[in-house]
Amino acid sequence: MNSNTMKYGNLQMSLPEGWSDATQIVAQGPVEEGFRSSLTYVAEPLKAGETPPQYAARMLGVLKGAEQFQLVSEKPANFGKVKGFLRESTHQAKGMKLAQLHFYVLQDGQVHTFTFTQRAERLQATRQVAERLFASVSLGGGSTMAGGPGLAGMRPKPKYIEPRHLRIIAA
């Protein structure tokens, strides 16, 4: 696979010169009062010598563009065996106050960003869900995306197996 190939699960696509894989993974929680919490994931290359806190500082400019953006906290953080940098922020979207936990993890010259979004008034009640999600991350082996390692629990769907072969597999 060349560097201009995007791959996720069963999807593989050749990209034109100058394009790069910007696959985002989004997981949604259950509906609570008309809102679903979510977790997004994206991997991006770091600038030479850049650390996760420096990348987070660079991204702060983007986040500050959100309506009524407020930085709540920033600090190094560990979730399970995963070490990184955690930012908490709030902003307004469609008349609703939202809170986000951004967890930045460095590996192999890329920053892996996990963003948990929840209604601001529900964040403290669901923070443990976000922390369990962050702790379940596995950035080693079993790559499911070109240029970005796979995530535990987000494996590609198995390929189709002919029913006549199921007897052989089950035996």
N, C-alpha and C. Protein backbone atom coordinates (compact mmCIF):
# COMPACT_ATOMS: atom_id res chain seq x y z
N MET A 1 0.85 -1.17 0.00
CA MET A 1 0.00 0.00 0.00
C MET A 1 0.90 1.24 0.00
N ASN A 2 0.64 2.16 -0.92
CA ASN A 2 1.47 3.37 -0.96
C ASN A 2 0.99 4.39 0.06
N SER A 3 1.75 5.45 0.24
CA SER A 3 1.43 6.46 1.26
C SER A 3 0.18 7.26 0.90
N ASN A 4 -0.28 7.17 -0.33
CA ASN A 4 -1.50 7.88 -0.72
C ASN A 4 -2.69 6.93 -0.77
N THR A 5 -2.72 5.97 0.15
CA THR A 5 -3.83 5.04 0.24
C THR A 5 -4.50 5.23 1.59
N MET A 6 -5.82 5.31 1.56
CA MET A 6 -6.61 5.41 2.78
C MET A 6 -7.20 4.03 3.04
N LYS A 7 -7.12 3.56 4.28
CA LYS A 7 -7.67 2.25 4.62
C LYS A 7 -8.31 2.32 6.00
N TYR A 8 -9.53 1.83 6.08
CA TYR A 8 -10.22 1.69 7.35
C TYR A 8 -11.19 0.53 7.21
N GLY A 9 -11.03 -0.48 8.05
CA GLY A 9 -11.89 -1.65 7.95
C GLY A 9 -11.78 -2.25 6.56
N ASN A 10 -12.91 -2.45 5.91
CA ASN A 10 -12.92 -3.03 4.56
C ASN A 10 -12.73 -1.98 3.48
N LEU A 11 -12.73 -0.72 3.83
CA LEU A 11 -12.58 0.36 2.86
C LEU A 11 -11.11 0.59 2.55
N GLN A 12 -10.79 0.62 1.28
CA GLN A 12 -9.45 1.01 0.84
C GLN A 12 -9.63 1.90 -0.38
N MET A 13 -8.93 3.03 -0.41
CA MET A 13 -9.11 3.99 -1.48
C MET A 13 -7.77 4.63 -1.81
N SER A 14 -7.46 4.71 -3.12
CA SER A 14 -6.25 5.40 -3.56
C SER A 14 -6.54 6.89 -3.60
N LEU A 15 -5.61 7.67 -3.07
CA LEU A 15 -5.79 9.12 -3.01
C LEU A 15 -4.87 9.80 -4.02
N PRO A 16 -5.33 10.91 -4.60
CA PRO A 16 -4.48 11.64 -5.55
C PRO A 16 -3.27 12.26 -4.85
N GLU A 17 -2.27 12.59 -5.63
CA GLU A 17 -1.05 13.24 -5.12
C GLU A 17 -1.43 14.48 -4.31
N GLY A 18 -0.81 14.65 -3.15
CA GLY A 18 -1.09 15.82 -2.30
C GLY A 18 -2.20 15.59 -1.30
N TRP A 19 -2.95 14.51 -1.44
CA TRP A 19 -4.02 14.18 -0.50
C TRP A 19 -3.45 13.28 0.59
N SER A 20 -4.09 13.28 1.79
CA SER A 20 -3.68 12.38 2.86
C SER A 20 -4.92 11.86 3.58
N ASP A 21 -4.74 10.77 4.26
CA ASP A 21 -5.83 10.13 5.01
C ASP A 21 -6.22 11.02 6.19
N ALA A 22 -7.48 11.38 6.29
CA ALA A 22 -7.99 12.17 7.42
C ALA A 22 -9.20 11.46 8.02
N THR A 23 -9.13 10.14 8.03
CA THR A 23 -10.23 9.33 8.57
C THR A 23 -10.54 9.76 10.00
N GLN A 24 -11.82 9.92 10.29
CA GLN A 24 -12.27 10.19 11.65
C GLN A 24 -13.19 9.08 12.08
N ILE A 25 -13.04 8.64 13.30
CA ILE A 25 -13.93 7.63 13.86
C ILE A 25 -14.83 8.35 14.84
N VAL A 26 -16.12 8.04 14.78
CA VAL A 26 -17.07 8.64 15.69
C VAL A 26 -17.89 7.53 16.34
N ALA A 27 -17.94 7.54 17.66
CA ALA A 27 -18.79 6.61 18.42
C ALA A 27 -19.82 7.46 19.16
N GLN A 28 -21.05 6.94 19.26
CA GLN A 28 -22.11 7.69 19.93
C GLN A 28 -22.62 6.92 21.13
N GLY A 29 -22.96 7.68 22.17
CA GLY A 29 -23.57 7.11 23.35
C GLY A 29 -25.08 7.04 23.18
N PRO A 30 -25.77 6.58 24.21
CA PRO A 30 -27.24 6.51 24.14
C PRO A 30 -27.87 7.90 24.15
N VAL A 31 -29.08 8.01 23.64
CA VAL A 31 -29.81 9.28 23.64
C VAL A 31 -30.26 9.57 25.07
N GLU A 32 -29.93 10.76 25.55
CA GLU A 32 -30.36 11.24 26.87
C GLU A 32 -30.98 12.61 26.68
N GLU A 33 -32.27 12.71 26.87
CA GLU A 33 -32.98 13.98 26.72
C GLU A 33 -32.70 14.63 25.36
N GLY A 34 -32.74 13.83 24.31
CA GLY A 34 -32.57 14.34 22.96
C GLY A 34 -31.14 14.59 22.53
N PHE A 35 -30.15 14.21 23.33
CA PHE A 35 -28.74 14.44 23.00
C PHE A 35 -27.96 13.14 23.13
N ARG A 36 -27.02 12.93 22.23
CA ARG A 36 -26.11 11.77 22.31
C ARG A 36 -24.70 12.26 22.59
N SER A 37 -24.09 11.74 23.63
CA SER A 37 -22.67 12.02 23.84
C SER A 37 -21.92 11.32 22.72
N SER A 38 -20.70 11.77 22.46
CA SER A 38 -19.93 11.16 21.37
C SER A 38 -18.44 11.14 21.69
N LEU A 39 -17.75 10.27 20.98
CA LEU A 39 -16.30 10.21 21.04
C LEU A 39 -15.81 10.23 19.60
N THR A 40 -14.95 11.18 19.29
CA THR A 40 -14.35 11.23 17.96
C THR A 40 -12.86 10.95 18.08
N TYR A 41 -12.31 10.43 17.00
CA TYR A 41 -10.88 10.11 16.96
C TYR A 41 -10.32 10.57 15.62
N VAL A 42 -9.17 11.18 15.67
CA VAL A 42 -8.45 11.55 14.45
C VAL A 42 -6.96 11.50 14.76
N ALA A 43 -6.16 11.08 13.77
CA ALA A 43 -4.70 11.07 13.91
C ALA A 43 -4.13 12.03 12.88
N GLU A 44 -3.16 12.83 13.32
CA GLU A 44 -2.52 13.80 12.43
C GLU A 44 -1.02 13.82 12.71
N PRO A 45 -0.23 14.10 11.68
CA PRO A 45 1.22 14.20 11.91
C PRO A 45 1.56 15.44 12.74
N LEU A 46 2.55 15.29 13.60
CA LEU A 46 3.04 16.42 14.38
C LEU A 46 4.10 17.17 13.59
N LYS A 47 4.27 18.43 13.92
CA LYS A 47 5.40 19.18 13.36
C LYS A 47 6.66 18.65 14.02
N ALA A 48 7.80 18.79 13.37
CA ALA A 48 9.06 18.29 13.90
C ALA A 48 9.31 18.80 15.32
N GLY A 49 9.56 17.87 16.24
CA GLY A 49 9.88 18.23 17.62
C GLY A 49 8.69 18.64 18.46
N GLU A 50 7.50 18.61 17.91
CA GLU A 50 6.30 19.05 18.63
C GLU A 50 5.86 17.97 19.62
N THR A 51 5.38 18.38 20.78
CA THR A 51 4.87 17.48 21.82
C THR A 51 3.34 17.58 21.85
N PRO A 52 2.65 16.63 22.49
CA PRO A 52 1.19 16.75 22.61
C PRO A 52 0.73 18.08 23.25
N PRO A 53 1.38 18.58 24.32
CA PRO A 53 0.94 19.88 24.85
C PRO A 53 1.13 21.02 23.84
N GLN A 54 2.21 20.96 23.06
CA GLN A 54 2.43 22.00 22.04
C GLN A 54 1.39 21.89 20.93
N TYR A 55 1.06 20.66 20.54
CA TYR A 55 0.00 20.46 19.54
C TYR A 55 -1.33 20.98 20.10
N ALA A 56 -1.61 20.65 21.36
CA ALA A 56 -2.85 21.11 21.99
C ALA A 56 -2.91 22.64 22.01
N ALA A 57 -1.78 23.28 22.28
CA ALA A 57 -1.73 24.75 22.28
C ALA A 57 -2.03 25.29 20.88
N ARG A 58 -1.51 24.61 19.87
CA ARG A 58 -1.77 25.03 18.49
C ARG A 58 -3.25 24.87 18.15
N MET A 59 -3.87 23.81 18.64
CA MET A 59 -5.28 23.55 18.37
C MET A 59 -6.20 24.48 19.16
N LEU A 60 -5.68 25.05 20.25
CA LEU A 60 -6.48 25.95 21.07
C LEU A 60 -7.03 27.11 20.24
N GLY A 61 -6.24 27.60 19.31
CA GLY A 61 -6.69 28.68 18.44
C GLY A 61 -7.93 28.29 17.65
N VAL A 62 -7.98 27.05 17.19
CA VAL A 62 -9.14 26.55 16.45
C VAL A 62 -10.35 26.46 17.38
N LEU A 63 -10.14 25.90 18.57
CA LEU A 63 -11.24 25.73 19.52
C LEU A 63 -11.83 27.06 19.97
N LYS A 64 -10.97 28.07 20.10
CA LYS A 64 -11.44 29.38 20.57
C LYS A 64 -12.41 30.02 19.60
N GLY A 65 -12.50 29.50 18.39
CA GLY A 65 -13.46 30.00 17.42
C GLY A 65 -14.88 29.58 17.71
N ALA A 66 -15.07 28.62 18.61
CA ALA A 66 -16.41 28.16 18.96
C ALA A 66 -17.14 29.23 19.78
N GLU A 67 -18.45 29.26 19.64
CA GLU A 67 -19.27 30.24 20.36
C GLU A 67 -19.13 30.06 21.87
N GLN A 68 -18.84 31.12 22.57
CA GLN A 68 -18.69 31.17 24.03
C GLN A 68 -17.72 30.11 24.56
N PHE A 69 -16.62 29.92 23.84
CA PHE A 69 -15.60 28.95 24.24
C PHE A 69 -15.01 29.34 25.60
N GLN A 70 -14.82 28.34 26.46
CA GLN A 70 -14.18 28.56 27.75
C GLN A 70 -13.25 27.38 28.03
N LEU A 71 -11.99 27.69 28.30
CA LEU A 71 -11.02 26.67 28.69
C LEU A 71 -11.21 26.39 30.17
N VAL A 72 -11.45 25.13 30.53
CA VAL A 72 -11.68 24.76 31.93
C VAL A 72 -10.38 24.30 32.57
N SER A 73 -9.65 23.39 31.91
CA SER A 73 -8.38 22.91 32.47
C SER A 73 -7.54 22.24 31.39
N GLU A 74 -6.25 22.12 31.69
CA GLU A 74 -5.28 21.42 30.83
C GLU A 74 -4.25 20.79 31.74
N LYS A 75 -3.86 19.53 31.43
CA LYS A 75 -2.84 18.88 32.25
C LYS A 75 -2.41 17.56 31.61
N PRO A 76 -1.20 17.09 31.94
CA PRO A 76 -0.81 15.75 31.53
C PRO A 76 -1.76 14.76 32.21
N ALA A 77 -2.06 13.65 31.53
CA ALA A 77 -2.99 12.67 32.10
C ALA A 77 -2.64 11.27 31.65
N ASN A 78 -2.96 10.29 32.50
CA ASN A 78 -2.81 8.88 32.20
C ASN A 78 -4.17 8.22 32.39
N PHE A 79 -4.55 7.40 31.41
CA PHE A 79 -5.76 6.61 31.52
C PHE A 79 -5.34 5.18 31.20
N GLY A 80 -5.36 4.32 32.21
CA GLY A 80 -4.83 2.98 32.04
C GLY A 80 -3.35 3.10 31.70
N LYS A 81 -2.94 2.46 30.62
CA LYS A 81 -1.53 2.50 30.19
C LYS A 81 -1.29 3.63 29.19
N VAL A 82 -2.32 4.41 28.90
CA VAL A 82 -2.21 5.45 27.87
C VAL A 82 -1.86 6.79 28.53
N LYS A 83 -0.73 7.37 28.10
CA LYS A 83 -0.27 8.65 28.63
C LYS A 83 -0.47 9.72 27.58
N GLY A 84 -0.91 10.89 28.02
CA GLY A 84 -1.10 11.97 27.07
C GLY A 84 -1.35 13.30 27.76
N PHE A 85 -2.08 14.14 27.09
CA PHE A 85 -2.37 15.49 27.57
C PHE A 85 -3.88 15.69 27.47
N LEU A 86 -4.52 16.13 28.56
CA LEU A 86 -5.97 16.28 28.62
C LEU A 86 -6.37 17.75 28.72
N ARG A 87 -7.33 18.13 27.88
CA ARG A 87 -7.91 19.48 27.93
C ARG A 87 -9.41 19.34 28.12
N GLU A 88 -9.96 20.16 29.01
CA GLU A 88 -11.41 20.24 29.19
C GLU A 88 -11.86 21.64 28.80
N SER A 89 -12.93 21.70 28.03
CA SER A 89 -13.45 22.99 27.60
C SER A 89 -14.97 22.93 27.48
N THR A 90 -15.58 24.11 27.40
CA THR A 90 -17.02 24.21 27.15
C THR A 90 -17.24 25.22 26.02
N HIS A 91 -18.39 25.10 25.37
CA HIS A 91 -18.79 26.05 24.33
C HIS A 91 -20.29 25.90 24.08
N GLN A 92 -20.84 26.82 23.35
CA GLN A 92 -22.26 26.79 22.97
C GLN A 92 -22.38 26.24 21.56
N ALA A 93 -23.40 25.43 21.32
CA ALA A 93 -23.71 24.93 19.98
C ALA A 93 -25.21 24.71 19.90
N LYS A 94 -25.84 25.37 18.94
CA LYS A 94 -27.28 25.25 18.74
C LYS A 94 -28.05 25.51 20.03
N GLY A 95 -27.62 26.54 20.76
CA GLY A 95 -28.31 26.92 21.99
C GLY A 95 -28.07 26.01 23.18
N MET A 96 -27.13 25.09 23.07
CA MET A 96 -26.85 24.14 24.14
C MET A 96 -25.41 24.31 24.61
N LYS A 97 -25.19 24.28 25.92
CA LYS A 97 -23.83 24.35 26.44
C LYS A 97 -23.24 22.94 26.46
N LEU A 98 -22.14 22.77 25.73
CA LEU A 98 -21.48 21.47 25.63
C LEU A 98 -20.12 21.51 26.31
N ALA A 99 -19.72 20.37 26.83
CA ALA A 99 -18.39 20.21 27.42
C ALA A 99 -17.64 19.19 26.59
N GLN A 100 -16.32 19.38 26.47
CA GLN A 100 -15.49 18.43 25.74
C GLN A 100 -14.24 18.10 26.53
N LEU A 101 -13.86 16.83 26.47
CA LEU A 101 -12.58 16.37 26.98
C LEU A 101 -11.77 15.98 25.76
N HIS A 102 -10.64 16.64 25.55
CA HIS A 102 -9.75 16.35 24.43
C HIS A 102 -8.53 15.64 25.01
N PHE A 103 -8.28 14.42 24.59
CA PHE A 103 -7.14 13.64 25.06
C PHE A 103 -6.18 13.46 23.90
N TYR A 104 -4.98 14.05 24.02
CA TYR A 104 -3.97 14.03 22.97
C TYR A 104 -2.88 13.02 23.34
N VAL A 105 -2.61 12.07 22.43
CA VAL A 105 -1.63 11.02 22.68
C VAL A 105 -0.63 11.01 21.52
N LEU A 106 0.66 10.98 21.83
CA LEU A 106 1.72 10.95 20.83
C LEU A 106 2.20 9.53 20.60
N GLN A 107 2.30 9.13 19.33
CA GLN A 107 2.93 7.86 18.99
C GLN A 107 3.38 7.91 17.54
N ASP A 108 4.61 7.49 17.32
CA ASP A 108 5.17 7.36 15.96
C ASP A 108 5.02 8.63 15.14
N GLY A 109 5.30 9.78 15.75
CA GLY A 109 5.27 11.04 15.01
C GLY A 109 3.88 11.58 14.72
N GLN A 110 2.87 10.95 15.29
CA GLN A 110 1.50 11.41 15.10
C GLN A 110 0.88 11.72 16.44
N VAL A 111 -0.06 12.67 16.42
CA VAL A 111 -0.86 12.91 17.61
C VAL A 111 -2.22 12.29 17.35
N HIS A 112 -2.67 11.52 18.31
CA HIS A 112 -3.96 10.85 18.25
C HIS A 112 -4.88 11.63 19.19
N THR A 113 -5.93 12.21 18.63
CA THR A 113 -6.83 13.05 19.41
C THR A 113 -8.15 12.34 19.62
N PHE A 114 -8.53 12.17 20.88
CA PHE A 114 -9.79 11.57 21.27
C PHE A 114 -10.62 12.68 21.92
N THR A 115 -11.80 12.97 21.39
CA THR A 115 -12.62 14.05 21.93
C THR A 115 -13.97 13.50 22.38
N PHE A 116 -14.23 13.59 23.67
CA PHE A 116 -15.50 13.18 24.25
C PHE A 116 -16.36 14.43 24.40
N THR A 117 -17.57 14.40 23.87
CA THR A 117 -18.48 15.55 23.93
C THR A 117 -19.74 15.15 24.67
N GLN A 118 -20.16 16.01 25.58
CA GLN A 118 -21.35 15.77 26.41
C GLN A 118 -21.99 17.11 26.76
N ARG A 119 -23.26 17.10 27.11
CA ARG A 119 -23.90 18.32 27.61
C ARG A 119 -23.14 18.73 28.88
N ALA A 120 -22.87 20.01 29.01
CA ALA A 120 -22.02 20.49 30.11
C ALA A 120 -22.55 20.05 31.48
N GLU A 121 -23.85 20.12 31.67
CA GLU A 121 -24.41 19.75 32.98
C GLU A 121 -24.34 18.25 33.26
N ARG A 122 -24.04 17.43 32.25
CA ARG A 122 -23.95 15.97 32.41
C ARG A 122 -22.50 15.47 32.42
N LEU A 123 -21.53 16.34 32.19
CA LEU A 123 -20.15 15.88 32.07
C LEU A 123 -19.67 15.18 33.34
N GLN A 124 -19.89 15.77 34.50
CA GLN A 124 -19.37 15.15 35.73
C GLN A 124 -19.99 13.77 35.95
N ALA A 125 -21.26 13.61 35.59
CA ALA A 125 -21.94 12.31 35.77
C ALA A 125 -21.43 11.26 34.78
N THR A 126 -20.88 11.70 33.65
CA THR A 126 -20.44 10.74 32.62
C THR A 126 -18.92 10.77 32.39
N ARG A 127 -18.21 11.51 33.20
CA ARG A 127 -16.74 11.60 33.05
C ARG A 127 -16.10 10.22 33.09
N GLN A 128 -16.59 9.34 33.96
CA GLN A 128 -16.01 7.99 34.06
C GLN A 128 -16.15 7.23 32.75
N VAL A 129 -17.23 7.46 32.00
CA VAL A 129 -17.41 6.82 30.70
C VAL A 129 -16.28 7.27 29.77
N ALA A 130 -16.02 8.57 29.72
CA ALA A 130 -14.94 9.10 28.88
C ALA A 130 -13.60 8.52 29.32
N GLU A 131 -13.34 8.48 30.60
CA GLU A 131 -12.07 7.97 31.11
C GLU A 131 -11.90 6.48 30.79
N ARG A 132 -12.99 5.70 30.87
CA ARG A 132 -12.91 4.28 30.49
C ARG A 132 -12.63 4.14 28.99
N LEU A 133 -13.26 4.99 28.18
CA LEU A 133 -12.99 4.96 26.74
C LEU A 133 -11.52 5.27 26.47
N PHE A 134 -11.00 6.32 27.10
CA PHE A 134 -9.59 6.69 26.91
C PHE A 134 -8.66 5.56 27.37
N ALA A 135 -8.99 4.93 28.52
CA ALA A 135 -8.15 3.85 29.05
C ALA A 135 -8.19 2.60 28.17
N SER A 136 -9.24 2.43 27.38
CA SER A 136 -9.36 1.24 26.54
C SER A 136 -8.62 1.36 25.22
N VAL A 137 -8.03 2.52 24.96
CA VAL A 137 -7.31 2.76 23.71
C VAL A 137 -6.10 1.85 23.61
N SER A 138 -5.90 1.28 22.43
CA SER A 138 -4.70 0.49 22.14
C SER A 138 -4.11 1.04 20.86
N LEU A 139 -2.93 1.60 20.92
CA LEU A 139 -2.29 2.18 19.75
C LEU A 139 -1.17 1.31 19.22
N GLY A 140 -1.13 0.07 19.63
CA GLY A 140 -0.08 -0.83 19.16
C GLY A 140 -0.66 -1.95 18.32
N GLY A 141 0.04 -2.32 17.25
CA GLY A 141 -0.32 -3.46 16.43
C GLY A 141 -1.71 -3.41 15.84
N GLY A 142 -1.97 -4.26 14.87
CA GLY A 142 -3.29 -4.41 14.29
C GLY A 142 -3.83 -3.14 13.66
N SER A 143 -3.02 -2.47 12.87
CA SER A 143 -3.43 -1.21 12.27
C SER A 143 -4.68 -1.37 11.42
N THR A 144 -5.67 -0.49 11.64
CA THR A 144 -6.87 -0.50 10.83
C THR A 144 -6.93 0.71 9.93
N MET A 145 -5.99 1.62 10.08
CA MET A 145 -5.97 2.81 9.23
C MET A 145 -4.55 3.05 8.75
N ALA A 146 -4.43 3.37 7.47
CA ALA A 146 -3.11 3.70 6.95
C ALA A 146 -2.58 4.91 7.67
N GLY A 147 -1.37 4.83 8.17
CA GLY A 147 -0.76 5.97 8.84
C GLY A 147 -1.27 6.16 10.26
N GLY A 148 -2.13 5.30 10.74
CA GLY A 148 -2.66 5.45 12.09
C GLY A 148 -3.00 4.09 12.66
N PRO A 149 -2.55 3.79 13.86
CA PRO A 149 -2.81 2.50 14.48
C PRO A 149 -4.28 2.29 14.77
N GLY A 150 -4.63 1.04 14.98
CA GLY A 150 -6.02 0.69 15.27
C GLY A 150 -6.41 1.03 16.69
N LEU A 151 -7.69 0.95 16.95
CA LEU A 151 -8.24 1.22 18.27
C LEU A 151 -8.91 -0.04 18.79
N ALA A 152 -8.71 -0.34 20.07
CA ALA A 152 -9.37 -1.49 20.67
C ALA A 152 -10.87 -1.30 20.58
N GLY A 153 -11.56 -2.37 20.23
CA GLY A 153 -13.01 -2.31 20.18
C GLY A 153 -13.55 -1.72 18.88
N MET A 154 -12.69 -1.21 18.00
CA MET A 154 -13.14 -0.63 16.74
C MET A 154 -12.46 -1.40 15.61
N ARG A 155 -12.68 -2.70 15.60
CA ARG A 155 -12.08 -3.55 14.59
C ARG A 155 -12.93 -3.56 13.34
N PRO A 156 -12.30 -3.82 12.19
CA PRO A 156 -13.08 -3.90 10.97
C PRO A 156 -14.03 -5.09 11.03
N LYS A 157 -15.16 -4.98 10.34
CA LYS A 157 -16.11 -6.08 10.29
C LYS A 157 -15.45 -7.25 9.59
N PRO A 158 -15.76 -8.49 10.05
CA PRO A 158 -15.16 -9.64 9.38
C PRO A 158 -15.66 -9.75 7.95
N LYS A 159 -14.79 -10.33 7.11
CA LYS A 159 -15.19 -10.54 5.72
C LYS A 159 -16.31 -11.57 5.67
N TYR A 160 -17.08 -11.53 4.60
CA TYR A 160 -18.17 -12.47 4.40
C TYR A 160 -17.62 -13.89 4.33
N ILE A 161 -18.27 -14.83 5.00
CA ILE A 161 -17.89 -16.23 4.97
C ILE A 161 -19.06 -17.01 4.39
N GLU A 162 -18.77 -17.78 3.36
CA GLU A 162 -19.80 -18.62 2.74
C GLU A 162 -20.39 -19.55 3.80
N PRO A 163 -21.73 -19.67 3.85
CA PRO A 163 -22.36 -20.56 4.84
C PRO A 163 -21.81 -21.99 4.78
N ARG A 164 -21.46 -22.50 3.59
CA ARG A 164 -20.96 -23.87 3.47
C ARG A 164 -19.61 -24.03 4.17
N HIS A 165 -18.86 -22.92 4.36
CA HIS A 165 -17.58 -22.98 5.05
C HIS A 165 -17.71 -22.87 6.57
N LEU A 166 -18.86 -22.43 7.04
CA LEU A 166 -19.05 -22.29 8.48
C LEU A 166 -18.93 -23.63 9.20
N ARG A 167 -19.40 -24.74 8.53
CA ARG A 167 -19.28 -26.08 9.13
C ARG A 167 -17.83 -26.43 9.36
N ILE A 168 -16.96 -26.07 8.42
CA ILE A 168 -15.54 -26.37 8.52
C ILE A 168 -14.91 -25.58 9.66
N ILE A 169 -15.27 -24.29 9.76
CA ILE A 169 -14.73 -23.43 10.81
C ILE A 169 -15.18 -23.89 12.18
N ALA A 170 -16.46 -24.30 12.28
CA ALA A 170 -17.03 -24.70 13.57
C ALA A 170 -16.46 -26.04 14.04
N ALA A 171 -15.99 -26.87 13.12
CA ALA A 171 -15.50 -28.21 13.48
C ALA A 171 -14.19 -28.17 14.20
